[in-house]
Amino acid sequence: MPLTMAGLGETNSIKRISGRDDVRRHLENLGFIAGEPVTVVSEFAGNMILQIKDARVALSKNMVNRIMI
């Protein structure tokens, strides 16, 4: 299921990243790789602030939909 379905404060493990190669590479550079735990910190109109490793990253709903948990 896409990460947009995760609840606030929920920690999930990333299963895979979908999309074009450049999109997957961009998310990988931000720390979104398979097996990595990710926590939903905040959500507003589908856009999310996510805790990944020791950083918080804000992503649009379009990008978050590409992250499968």
N, C-alpha and C. Protein backbone atom coordinates (compact mmCIF):
# COMPACT_ATOMS: atom_id res chain seq x y z
N MET A 1 0.85 -1.18 0.00
CA MET A 1 0.00 0.00 0.00
C MET A 1 0.89 1.24 0.00
N PRO A 2 0.42 2.34 -0.58
CA PRO A 2 1.22 3.57 -0.60
C PRO A 2 1.34 4.19 0.78
N LEU A 3 2.40 4.93 0.99
CA LEU A 3 2.66 5.58 2.28
C LEU A 3 1.57 6.58 2.65
N THR A 4 0.83 7.10 1.67
CA THR A 4 -0.26 8.04 1.95
C THR A 4 -1.35 7.40 2.81
N MET A 5 -1.41 6.08 2.86
CA MET A 5 -2.42 5.36 3.65
C MET A 5 -2.00 5.21 5.12
N ALA A 6 -0.75 5.51 5.44
CA ALA A 6 -0.25 5.37 6.82
C ALA A 6 -0.84 6.47 7.70
N GLY A 7 -1.04 6.13 8.96
CA GLY A 7 -1.60 7.09 9.91
C GLY A 7 -0.53 7.96 10.53
N LEU A 8 -0.96 9.05 11.12
CA LEU A 8 -0.08 9.99 11.79
C LEU A 8 0.66 9.31 12.94
N GLY A 9 1.97 9.46 12.99
CA GLY A 9 2.79 8.86 14.04
C GLY A 9 3.14 7.41 13.80
N GLU A 10 2.65 6.84 12.73
CA GLU A 10 2.89 5.43 12.40
C GLU A 10 4.26 5.24 11.77
N THR A 11 4.99 4.21 12.21
CA THR A 11 6.28 3.87 11.61
C THR A 11 6.11 2.60 10.79
N ASN A 12 6.53 2.66 9.54
CA ASN A 12 6.43 1.53 8.63
C ASN A 12 7.76 1.32 7.92
N SER A 13 7.95 0.13 7.40
CA SER A 13 9.15 -0.19 6.63
C SER A 13 8.85 -0.01 5.15
N ILE A 14 9.76 0.61 4.43
CA ILE A 14 9.58 0.82 2.99
C ILE A 14 9.80 -0.51 2.27
N LYS A 15 8.85 -0.89 1.42
CA LYS A 15 8.95 -2.13 0.65
C LYS A 15 9.58 -1.89 -0.72
N ARG A 16 9.12 -0.82 -1.40
CA ARG A 16 9.68 -0.49 -2.71
C ARG A 16 9.29 0.94 -3.09
N ILE A 17 9.99 1.46 -4.09
CA ILE A 17 9.71 2.79 -4.64
C ILE A 17 9.32 2.60 -6.10
N SER A 18 8.19 3.16 -6.50
CA SER A 18 7.78 3.06 -7.90
C SER A 18 8.05 4.38 -8.61
N GLY A 19 7.92 4.37 -9.92
CA GLY A 19 8.12 5.58 -10.71
C GLY A 19 9.31 5.47 -11.64
N ARG A 20 9.58 6.57 -12.34
CA ARG A 20 10.69 6.63 -13.29
C ARG A 20 12.02 6.57 -12.54
N ASP A 21 13.08 6.24 -13.26
CA ASP A 21 14.41 6.11 -12.67
C ASP A 21 14.86 7.39 -11.96
N ASP A 22 14.61 8.55 -12.57
CA ASP A 22 15.07 9.80 -11.95
C ASP A 22 14.31 10.09 -10.66
N VAL A 23 13.04 9.73 -10.60
CA VAL A 23 12.25 9.93 -9.38
C VAL A 23 12.74 8.99 -8.29
N ARG A 24 12.96 7.72 -8.63
CA ARG A 24 13.45 6.75 -7.65
C ARG A 24 14.82 7.16 -7.13
N ARG A 25 15.68 7.65 -8.02
CA ARG A 25 17.03 8.08 -7.62
C ARG A 25 16.94 9.29 -6.68
N HIS A 26 16.04 10.22 -6.96
CA HIS A 26 15.86 11.40 -6.11
C HIS A 26 15.43 10.98 -4.70
N LEU A 27 14.44 10.09 -4.62
CA LEU A 27 13.97 9.62 -3.31
C LEU A 27 15.05 8.83 -2.59
N GLU A 28 15.82 8.06 -3.33
CA GLU A 28 16.93 7.31 -2.73
C GLU A 28 17.97 8.27 -2.14
N ASN A 29 18.25 9.35 -2.83
CA ASN A 29 19.20 10.35 -2.33
C ASN A 29 18.69 11.03 -1.05
N LEU A 30 17.37 11.08 -0.88
CA LEU A 30 16.79 11.65 0.33
C LEU A 30 16.76 10.65 1.48
N GLY A 31 17.08 9.37 1.19
CA GLY A 31 17.13 8.35 2.23
C GLY A 31 16.03 7.32 2.15
N PHE A 32 15.14 7.44 1.18
CA PHE A 32 14.03 6.51 1.03
C PHE A 32 14.48 5.28 0.23
N ILE A 33 14.94 4.26 0.95
CA ILE A 33 15.38 3.01 0.33
C ILE A 33 14.62 1.85 0.96
N ALA A 34 14.51 0.75 0.23
CA ALA A 34 13.78 -0.42 0.71
C ALA A 34 14.37 -0.92 2.03
N GLY A 35 13.48 -1.24 2.96
CA GLY A 35 13.89 -1.74 4.26
C GLY A 35 14.07 -0.67 5.32
N GLU A 36 14.11 0.57 4.93
CA GLU A 36 14.32 1.68 5.86
C GLU A 36 13.00 2.04 6.56
N PRO A 37 13.02 2.22 7.89
CA PRO A 37 11.79 2.65 8.57
C PRO A 37 11.50 4.14 8.31
N VAL A 38 10.24 4.45 8.14
CA VAL A 38 9.80 5.82 7.88
C VAL A 38 8.59 6.10 8.78
N THR A 39 8.56 7.31 9.37
CA THR A 39 7.48 7.70 10.28
C THR A 39 6.77 8.93 9.73
N VAL A 40 5.44 8.90 9.77
CA VAL A 40 4.64 10.06 9.35
C VAL A 40 4.58 11.03 10.52
N VAL A 41 5.14 12.23 10.34
CA VAL A 41 5.17 13.25 11.39
C VAL A 41 3.95 14.16 11.29
N SER A 42 3.62 14.56 10.06
CA SER A 42 2.51 15.47 9.84
C SER A 42 1.93 15.25 8.45
N GLU A 43 0.63 15.58 8.30
CA GLU A 43 -0.02 15.44 7.00
C GLU A 43 -0.98 16.60 6.81
N PHE A 44 -0.93 17.22 5.63
CA PHE A 44 -1.84 18.32 5.31
C PHE A 44 -2.20 18.24 3.84
N ALA A 45 -3.46 17.99 3.55
CA ALA A 45 -3.98 17.90 2.18
C ALA A 45 -3.20 16.87 1.35
N GLY A 46 -2.78 15.78 1.97
CA GLY A 46 -2.06 14.73 1.26
C GLY A 46 -0.56 14.90 1.27
N ASN A 47 -0.08 16.13 1.44
CA ASN A 47 1.36 16.37 1.55
C ASN A 47 1.81 15.94 2.95
N MET A 48 3.03 15.40 3.04
CA MET A 48 3.47 14.84 4.32
C MET A 48 4.86 15.30 4.73
N ILE A 49 5.05 15.37 6.04
CA ILE A 49 6.39 15.53 6.61
C ILE A 49 6.72 14.16 7.19
N LEU A 50 7.85 13.60 6.76
CA LEU A 50 8.24 12.25 7.13
C LEU A 50 9.57 12.26 7.86
N GLN A 51 9.70 11.39 8.84
CA GLN A 51 10.96 11.19 9.57
C GLN A 51 11.63 9.98 8.94
N ILE A 52 12.82 10.20 8.36
CA ILE A 52 13.59 9.12 7.75
C ILE A 52 15.02 9.26 8.23
N LYS A 53 15.56 8.21 8.80
CA LYS A 53 16.88 8.25 9.44
C LYS A 53 16.86 9.35 10.49
N ASP A 54 17.76 10.33 10.44
CA ASP A 54 17.78 11.42 11.43
C ASP A 54 17.32 12.74 10.83
N ALA A 55 16.47 12.67 9.81
CA ALA A 55 16.03 13.89 9.13
C ALA A 55 14.52 13.88 8.94
N ARG A 56 13.98 15.08 8.82
CA ARG A 56 12.57 15.24 8.46
C ARG A 56 12.52 15.78 7.04
N VAL A 57 11.67 15.16 6.23
CA VAL A 57 11.58 15.52 4.81
C VAL A 57 10.12 15.79 4.48
N ALA A 58 9.85 16.90 3.79
CA ALA A 58 8.50 17.22 3.33
C ALA A 58 8.38 16.78 1.87
N LEU A 59 7.33 16.00 1.58
CA LEU A 59 7.10 15.52 0.22
C LEU A 59 5.65 15.79 -0.18
N SER A 60 5.45 16.02 -1.48
CA SER A 60 4.11 16.21 -2.01
C SER A 60 3.37 14.88 -2.05
N LYS A 61 2.06 14.95 -2.13
CA LYS A 61 1.24 13.75 -2.19
C LYS A 61 1.64 12.87 -3.38
N ASN A 62 1.99 13.50 -4.50
CA ASN A 62 2.41 12.77 -5.69
C ASN A 62 3.65 11.93 -5.42
N MET A 63 4.62 12.48 -4.70
CA MET A 63 5.85 11.74 -4.40
C MET A 63 5.60 10.67 -3.34
N VAL A 64 4.79 10.98 -2.34
CA VAL A 64 4.52 10.02 -1.27
C VAL A 64 3.78 8.80 -1.82
N ASN A 65 2.95 9.00 -2.83
CA ASN A 65 2.22 7.88 -3.44
C ASN A 65 3.13 6.87 -4.11
N ARG A 66 4.34 7.26 -4.43
CA ARG A 66 5.31 6.35 -5.07
C ARG A 66 6.03 5.44 -4.06
N ILE A 67 5.91 5.75 -2.77
CA ILE A 67 6.60 4.98 -1.72
C ILE A 67 5.62 3.92 -1.20
N MET A 68 5.97 2.66 -1.38
CA MET A 68 5.13 1.55 -0.95
C MET A 68 5.63 0.99 0.39
N ILE A 69 4.67 0.74 1.30
CA ILE A 69 5.02 0.19 2.61
C ILE A 69 4.36 -1.18 2.78
